[in-house]
Amino acid sequence: MESITSNALLMMEKSLDFLWTKQTAILDNLANVETPNYKTKYVTFEETFRSRLQAAAGGNASDLRETIDGAQATVHVAENESARMDGNGVDATEQSIELARNALQQQHVMNAISDNLALLRAAIRGQ
């Protein structure tokens, strides 16, 4: 039970790291909405994380922890996209929607962490 809970918490921590990186990229995009030739940043994580987990499937718990711990979000720049004549690639409306979606995802992960810790607290207390 302890290793499963630890892995779950570690995955939630990695999710929060990804969401924080994504939020930073979105805020950079919004801050540069009027900068000529600025290209939109976007962050990927899920595909890399999923492929790392699949590659580690069947391994022991320590391998899984290393796999989870080693997963990193990647920031990309959309080089071939322009939303305006001055070469700026930022769509402010789209970025604002993504910022709201990201905030909701962060709230969901924080609630999951809180629920997980409450369950552990109850188990420790014997309730």
N, C-alpha and C. Protein backbone atom coordinates (compact mmCIF):
# COMPACT_ATOMS: atom_id res chain seq x y z
N MET A 1 0.83 -1.20 0.00
CA MET A 1 0.00 0.00 0.00
C MET A 1 0.87 1.25 0.00
N GLU A 2 1.95 1.24 0.74
CA GLU A 2 2.80 2.43 0.86
C GLU A 2 3.43 2.80 -0.47
N SER A 3 3.92 1.81 -1.24
CA SER A 3 4.55 2.12 -2.52
C SER A 3 3.52 2.60 -3.54
N ILE A 4 2.30 2.06 -3.51
CA ILE A 4 1.26 2.51 -4.42
C ILE A 4 0.90 3.96 -4.12
N THR A 5 0.71 4.26 -2.85
CA THR A 5 0.37 5.62 -2.45
C THR A 5 1.50 6.57 -2.79
N SER A 6 2.73 6.17 -2.55
CA SER A 6 3.86 7.01 -2.86
C SER A 6 3.96 7.28 -4.35
N ASN A 7 3.72 6.25 -5.17
CA ASN A 7 3.75 6.44 -6.62
C ASN A 7 2.63 7.35 -7.08
N ALA A 8 1.46 7.20 -6.47
CA ALA A 8 0.33 8.06 -6.83
C ALA A 8 0.63 9.51 -6.49
N LEU A 9 1.19 9.73 -5.31
CA LEU A 9 1.55 11.10 -4.92
C LEU A 9 2.64 11.65 -5.83
N LEU A 10 3.59 10.82 -6.20
CA LEU A 10 4.65 11.27 -7.09
C LEU A 10 4.09 11.63 -8.47
N MET A 11 3.12 10.85 -8.97
CA MET A 11 2.49 11.18 -10.25
C MET A 11 1.72 12.50 -10.15
N MET A 12 1.05 12.71 -9.05
CA MET A 12 0.33 13.98 -8.88
C MET A 12 1.30 15.15 -8.79
N GLU A 13 2.43 14.94 -8.13
CA GLU A 13 3.46 15.98 -8.05
C GLU A 13 3.98 16.32 -9.44
N LYS A 14 4.24 15.29 -10.25
CA LYS A 14 4.71 15.52 -11.63
C LYS A 14 3.64 16.24 -12.44
N SER A 15 2.38 15.92 -12.21
CA SER A 15 1.29 16.61 -12.90
C SER A 15 1.28 18.09 -12.54
N LEU A 16 1.48 18.38 -11.27
CA LEU A 16 1.54 19.79 -10.85
C LEU A 16 2.75 20.50 -11.47
N ASP A 17 3.88 19.82 -11.55
CA ASP A 17 5.06 20.41 -12.21
C ASP A 17 4.74 20.76 -13.66
N PHE A 18 4.09 19.83 -14.36
CA PHE A 18 3.70 20.07 -15.75
C PHE A 18 2.75 21.26 -15.84
N LEU A 19 1.73 21.29 -14.99
CA LEU A 19 0.75 22.37 -15.04
C LEU A 19 1.38 23.71 -14.72
N TRP A 20 2.36 23.73 -13.82
CA TRP A 20 3.07 24.97 -13.50
C TRP A 20 3.87 25.44 -14.71
N THR A 21 4.56 24.52 -15.38
CA THR A 21 5.32 24.86 -16.57
C THR A 21 4.40 25.36 -17.67
N LYS A 22 3.25 24.71 -17.82
CA LYS A 22 2.27 25.12 -18.82
C LYS A 22 1.73 26.52 -18.51
N GLN A 23 1.46 26.78 -17.24
CA GLN A 23 0.96 28.10 -16.85
C GLN A 23 2.01 29.17 -17.16
N THR A 24 3.26 28.90 -16.89
CA THR A 24 4.33 29.85 -17.17
C THR A 24 4.41 30.15 -18.66
N ALA A 25 4.30 29.12 -19.50
CA ALA A 25 4.34 29.31 -20.95
C ALA A 25 3.14 30.14 -21.42
N ILE A 26 1.96 29.86 -20.89
CA ILE A 26 0.76 30.61 -21.27
C ILE A 26 0.91 32.07 -20.87
N LEU A 27 1.40 32.31 -19.66
CA LEU A 27 1.58 33.69 -19.20
C LEU A 27 2.62 34.42 -20.04
N ASP A 28 3.68 33.72 -20.45
CA ASP A 28 4.66 34.32 -21.36
C ASP A 28 3.99 34.71 -22.68
N ASN A 29 3.16 33.81 -23.19
CA ASN A 29 2.46 34.08 -24.44
C ASN A 29 1.57 35.31 -24.31
N LEU A 30 0.81 35.38 -23.23
CA LEU A 30 -0.09 36.53 -23.03
C LEU A 30 0.69 37.83 -22.82
N ALA A 31 1.82 37.75 -22.15
CA ALA A 31 2.63 38.95 -21.94
C ALA A 31 3.23 39.46 -23.24
N ASN A 32 3.39 38.58 -24.22
CA ASN A 32 4.00 38.96 -25.49
C ASN A 32 3.00 39.02 -26.64
N VAL A 33 1.74 39.22 -26.33
CA VAL A 33 0.70 39.23 -27.35
C VAL A 33 0.90 40.37 -28.36
N GLU A 34 1.59 41.42 -27.99
CA GLU A 34 1.83 42.56 -28.89
C GLU A 34 3.27 42.60 -29.41
N THR A 35 4.09 41.60 -29.12
CA THR A 35 5.49 41.59 -29.54
C THR A 35 5.60 41.05 -30.97
N PRO A 36 6.11 41.87 -31.90
CA PRO A 36 6.27 41.38 -33.27
C PRO A 36 7.19 40.15 -33.34
N ASN A 37 6.82 39.21 -34.19
CA ASN A 37 7.58 37.98 -34.44
C ASN A 37 7.68 37.04 -33.24
N TYR A 38 6.93 37.28 -32.18
CA TYR A 38 6.92 36.35 -31.04
C TYR A 38 6.14 35.11 -31.45
N LYS A 39 6.68 33.96 -31.13
CA LYS A 39 6.04 32.68 -31.45
C LYS A 39 5.48 32.04 -30.19
N THR A 40 4.31 31.47 -30.31
CA THR A 40 3.62 30.86 -29.19
C THR A 40 4.41 29.68 -28.63
N LYS A 41 4.48 29.61 -27.30
CA LYS A 41 5.07 28.47 -26.61
C LYS A 41 3.94 27.52 -26.21
N TYR A 42 4.24 26.23 -26.26
CA TYR A 42 3.31 25.24 -25.74
C TYR A 42 4.11 24.14 -25.05
N VAL A 43 3.45 23.44 -24.15
CA VAL A 43 4.13 22.46 -23.31
C VAL A 43 3.51 21.09 -23.54
N THR A 44 4.37 20.07 -23.66
CA THR A 44 3.89 18.69 -23.77
C THR A 44 4.43 17.89 -22.60
N PHE A 45 3.63 16.92 -22.20
CA PHE A 45 4.04 16.06 -21.08
C PHE A 45 3.38 14.69 -21.15
N GLU A 46 2.09 14.68 -21.46
CA GLU A 46 1.31 13.45 -21.36
C GLU A 46 1.87 12.32 -22.22
N GLU A 47 2.22 12.62 -23.48
CA GLU A 47 2.71 11.57 -24.38
C GLU A 47 4.01 10.97 -23.86
N THR A 48 4.92 11.82 -23.44
CA THR A 48 6.21 11.35 -22.92
C THR A 48 6.00 10.53 -21.65
N PHE A 49 5.14 11.03 -20.78
CA PHE A 49 4.88 10.35 -19.52
C PHE A 49 4.25 8.98 -19.77
N ARG A 50 3.27 8.94 -20.66
CA ARG A 50 2.59 7.67 -20.98
C ARG A 50 3.58 6.67 -21.57
N SER A 51 4.43 7.12 -22.49
CA SER A 51 5.39 6.19 -23.11
C SER A 51 6.42 5.70 -22.10
N ARG A 52 6.83 6.55 -21.17
CA ARG A 52 7.77 6.12 -20.12
C ARG A 52 7.11 5.08 -19.21
N LEU A 53 5.84 5.29 -18.86
CA LEU A 53 5.13 4.33 -18.01
C LEU A 53 4.95 2.99 -18.72
N GLN A 54 4.61 3.04 -20.00
CA GLN A 54 4.44 1.80 -20.76
C GLN A 54 5.76 1.04 -20.88
N ALA A 55 6.85 1.76 -21.06
CA ALA A 55 8.16 1.12 -21.17
C ALA A 55 8.56 0.46 -19.85
N ALA A 56 8.11 1.03 -18.73
CA ALA A 56 8.47 0.50 -17.42
C ALA A 56 7.46 -0.53 -16.91
N ALA A 57 6.40 -0.77 -17.68
CA ALA A 57 5.36 -1.72 -17.24
C ALA A 57 5.98 -3.08 -16.96
N GLY A 58 5.58 -3.66 -15.86
CA GLY A 58 6.08 -4.97 -15.49
C GLY A 58 7.33 -4.91 -14.63
N GLY A 59 7.88 -3.73 -14.46
CA GLY A 59 9.08 -3.60 -13.62
C GLY A 59 8.70 -3.54 -12.16
N ASN A 60 9.70 -3.40 -11.29
CA ASN A 60 9.42 -3.30 -9.86
C ASN A 60 9.09 -1.86 -9.47
N ALA A 61 8.70 -1.68 -8.23
CA ALA A 61 8.24 -0.37 -7.76
C ALA A 61 9.33 0.69 -7.84
N SER A 62 10.58 0.33 -7.58
CA SER A 62 11.64 1.34 -7.64
C SER A 62 11.86 1.81 -9.07
N ASP A 63 11.74 0.88 -10.06
CA ASP A 63 11.85 1.28 -11.46
C ASP A 63 10.72 2.24 -11.82
N LEU A 64 9.52 1.97 -11.32
CA LEU A 64 8.38 2.82 -11.60
C LEU A 64 8.60 4.21 -11.00
N ARG A 65 9.10 4.27 -9.79
CA ARG A 65 9.37 5.57 -9.17
C ARG A 65 10.40 6.34 -9.97
N GLU A 66 11.45 5.66 -10.45
CA GLU A 66 12.46 6.34 -11.27
C GLU A 66 11.86 6.82 -12.58
N THR A 67 10.98 6.03 -13.16
CA THR A 67 10.31 6.40 -14.41
C THR A 67 9.46 7.64 -14.21
N ILE A 68 8.68 7.64 -13.14
CA ILE A 68 7.82 8.78 -12.85
C ILE A 68 8.66 10.00 -12.55
N ASP A 69 9.66 9.83 -11.71
CA ASP A 69 10.49 10.95 -11.29
C ASP A 69 11.27 11.55 -12.46
N GLY A 70 11.62 10.74 -13.44
CA GLY A 70 12.41 11.22 -14.57
C GLY A 70 11.60 11.90 -15.66
N ALA A 71 10.28 11.81 -15.60
CA ALA A 71 9.44 12.43 -16.63
C ALA A 71 9.47 13.94 -16.48
N GLN A 72 9.68 14.62 -17.59
CA GLN A 72 9.77 16.07 -17.58
C GLN A 72 8.86 16.68 -18.65
N ALA A 73 8.31 17.82 -18.36
CA ALA A 73 7.54 18.57 -19.35
C ALA A 73 8.52 19.22 -20.32
N THR A 74 8.10 19.37 -21.57
CA THR A 74 8.94 19.96 -22.60
C THR A 74 8.24 21.19 -23.17
N VAL A 75 8.96 22.31 -23.22
CA VAL A 75 8.43 23.54 -23.78
C VAL A 75 8.84 23.60 -25.25
N HIS A 76 7.86 23.82 -26.12
CA HIS A 76 8.09 23.92 -27.56
C HIS A 76 7.70 25.31 -28.03
N VAL A 77 8.22 25.70 -29.17
CA VAL A 77 7.85 26.97 -29.80
C VAL A 77 7.21 26.65 -31.14
N ALA A 78 6.03 27.19 -31.37
CA ALA A 78 5.31 26.98 -32.62
C ALA A 78 5.89 27.91 -33.69
N GLU A 79 6.90 27.44 -34.37
CA GLU A 79 7.64 28.27 -35.33
C GLU A 79 6.83 28.69 -36.55
N ASN A 80 5.98 27.82 -37.05
CA ASN A 80 5.30 28.07 -38.33
C ASN A 80 3.90 28.64 -38.19
N GLU A 81 3.58 29.18 -37.03
CA GLU A 81 2.24 29.72 -36.82
C GLU A 81 2.31 31.22 -36.60
N SER A 82 1.48 31.94 -37.32
CA SER A 82 1.36 33.39 -37.13
C SER A 82 -0.11 33.75 -37.08
N ALA A 83 -0.47 34.53 -36.09
CA ALA A 83 -1.86 34.95 -35.95
C ALA A 83 -2.08 36.33 -36.55
N ARG A 84 -0.97 37.06 -36.81
CA ARG A 84 -1.11 38.43 -37.30
C ARG A 84 -0.08 38.71 -38.39
N MET A 85 -0.24 39.85 -39.03
CA MET A 85 0.66 40.27 -40.11
C MET A 85 2.09 40.52 -39.62
N ASP A 86 2.27 40.90 -38.36
CA ASP A 86 3.61 41.20 -37.84
C ASP A 86 4.37 39.95 -37.40
N GLY A 87 3.83 38.77 -37.68
CA GLY A 87 4.51 37.52 -37.37
C GLY A 87 4.25 36.99 -35.98
N ASN A 88 3.47 37.71 -35.19
CA ASN A 88 3.15 37.24 -33.83
C ASN A 88 2.21 36.04 -33.94
N GLY A 89 2.53 34.99 -33.18
CA GLY A 89 1.75 33.77 -33.25
C GLY A 89 0.78 33.56 -32.12
N VAL A 90 0.56 34.56 -31.28
CA VAL A 90 -0.27 34.39 -30.09
C VAL A 90 -1.72 34.75 -30.38
N ASP A 91 -2.61 33.83 -30.09
CA ASP A 91 -4.05 34.07 -30.12
C ASP A 91 -4.46 34.29 -28.67
N ALA A 92 -4.70 35.55 -28.30
CA ALA A 92 -4.97 35.91 -26.91
C ALA A 92 -6.19 35.20 -26.35
N THR A 93 -7.23 35.04 -27.15
CA THR A 93 -8.44 34.36 -26.69
C THR A 93 -8.15 32.90 -26.37
N GLU A 94 -7.46 32.24 -27.28
CA GLU A 94 -7.11 30.83 -27.06
C GLU A 94 -6.24 30.67 -25.83
N GLN A 95 -5.29 31.56 -25.64
CA GLN A 95 -4.39 31.47 -24.48
C GLN A 95 -5.14 31.73 -23.18
N SER A 96 -6.10 32.65 -23.21
CA SER A 96 -6.90 32.92 -22.01
C SER A 96 -7.75 31.71 -21.63
N ILE A 97 -8.30 31.04 -22.63
CA ILE A 97 -9.08 29.82 -22.38
C ILE A 97 -8.17 28.74 -21.80
N GLU A 98 -6.98 28.57 -22.37
CA GLU A 98 -6.03 27.58 -21.86
C GLU A 98 -5.60 27.90 -20.43
N LEU A 99 -5.46 29.18 -20.11
CA LEU A 99 -5.09 29.58 -18.75
C LEU A 99 -6.19 29.17 -17.76
N ALA A 100 -7.46 29.39 -18.14
CA ALA A 100 -8.57 28.99 -17.28
C ALA A 100 -8.63 27.47 -17.14
N ARG A 101 -8.44 26.75 -18.26
CA ARG A 101 -8.45 25.29 -18.22
C ARG A 101 -7.32 24.77 -17.33
N ASN A 102 -6.16 25.38 -17.44
CA ASN A 102 -5.01 24.98 -16.64
C ASN A 102 -5.28 25.20 -15.15
N ALA A 103 -5.92 26.31 -14.81
CA ALA A 103 -6.25 26.59 -13.41
C ALA A 103 -7.20 25.54 -12.85
N LEU A 104 -8.18 25.13 -13.66
CA LEU A 104 -9.11 24.08 -13.22
C LEU A 104 -8.39 22.75 -13.04
N GLN A 105 -7.46 22.44 -13.94
CA GLN A 105 -6.70 21.20 -13.81
C GLN A 105 -5.83 21.23 -12.56
N GLN A 106 -5.22 22.37 -12.28
CA GLN A 106 -4.41 22.49 -11.06
C GLN A 106 -5.27 22.28 -9.82
N GLN A 107 -6.45 22.87 -9.82
CA GLN A 107 -7.37 22.71 -8.69
C GLN A 107 -7.75 21.23 -8.52
N HIS A 108 -8.01 20.55 -9.63
CA HIS A 108 -8.38 19.13 -9.57
C HIS A 108 -7.24 18.29 -8.98
N VAL A 109 -6.02 18.54 -9.42
CA VAL A 109 -4.87 17.77 -8.90
C VAL A 109 -4.66 18.08 -7.42
N MET A 110 -4.79 19.34 -7.04
CA MET A 110 -4.62 19.69 -5.61
C MET A 110 -5.70 19.01 -4.76
N ASN A 111 -6.92 18.94 -5.26
CA ASN A 111 -7.99 18.24 -4.54
C ASN A 111 -7.68 16.75 -4.42
N ALA A 112 -7.13 16.16 -5.48
CA ALA A 112 -6.76 14.74 -5.44
C ALA A 112 -5.66 14.49 -4.42
N ILE A 113 -4.68 15.38 -4.37
CA ILE A 113 -3.60 15.26 -3.38
C ILE A 113 -4.17 15.39 -1.98
N SER A 114 -5.04 16.35 -1.78
CA SER A 114 -5.65 16.56 -0.46
C SER A 114 -6.46 15.34 -0.03
N ASP A 115 -7.23 14.77 -0.97
CA ASP A 115 -8.02 13.56 -0.66
C ASP A 115 -7.12 12.38 -0.32
N ASN A 116 -6.03 12.24 -1.07
CA ASN A 116 -5.09 11.15 -0.83
C ASN A 116 -4.46 11.28 0.55
N LEU A 117 -4.07 12.48 0.91
CA LEU A 117 -3.45 12.70 2.22
C LEU A 117 -4.47 12.53 3.35
N ALA A 118 -5.72 12.91 3.11
CA ALA A 118 -6.75 12.71 4.12
C ALA A 118 -6.99 11.22 4.37
N LEU A 119 -6.95 10.43 3.29
CA LEU A 119 -7.10 8.99 3.41
C LEU A 119 -5.94 8.39 4.23
N LEU A 120 -4.73 8.85 3.95
CA LEU A 120 -3.58 8.38 4.72
C LEU A 120 -3.68 8.78 6.19
N ARG A 121 -4.11 10.02 6.41
CA ARG A 121 -4.27 10.50 7.78
C ARG A 121 -5.27 9.65 8.54
N ALA A 122 -6.39 9.30 7.89
CA ALA A 122 -7.42 8.48 8.52
C ALA A 122 -6.88 7.08 8.80
N ALA A 123 -6.09 6.54 7.88
CA ALA A 123 -5.51 5.20 8.09
C ALA A 123 -4.53 5.21 9.26
N ILE A 124 -3.76 6.25 9.36
CA ILE A 124 -2.79 6.35 10.47
C ILE A 124 -3.51 6.45 11.81
N ARG A 125 -4.60 7.19 11.83
CA ARG A 125 -5.37 7.35 13.06
C ARG A 125 -6.22 6.12 13.38
N GLY A 126 -6.35 5.21 12.42
CA GLY A 126 -7.14 4.00 12.64
C GLY A 126 -8.63 4.23 12.51
N GLN A 127 -9.02 5.19 11.71
CA GLN A 127 -10.45 5.52 11.56
C GLN A 127 -11.02 4.89 10.33
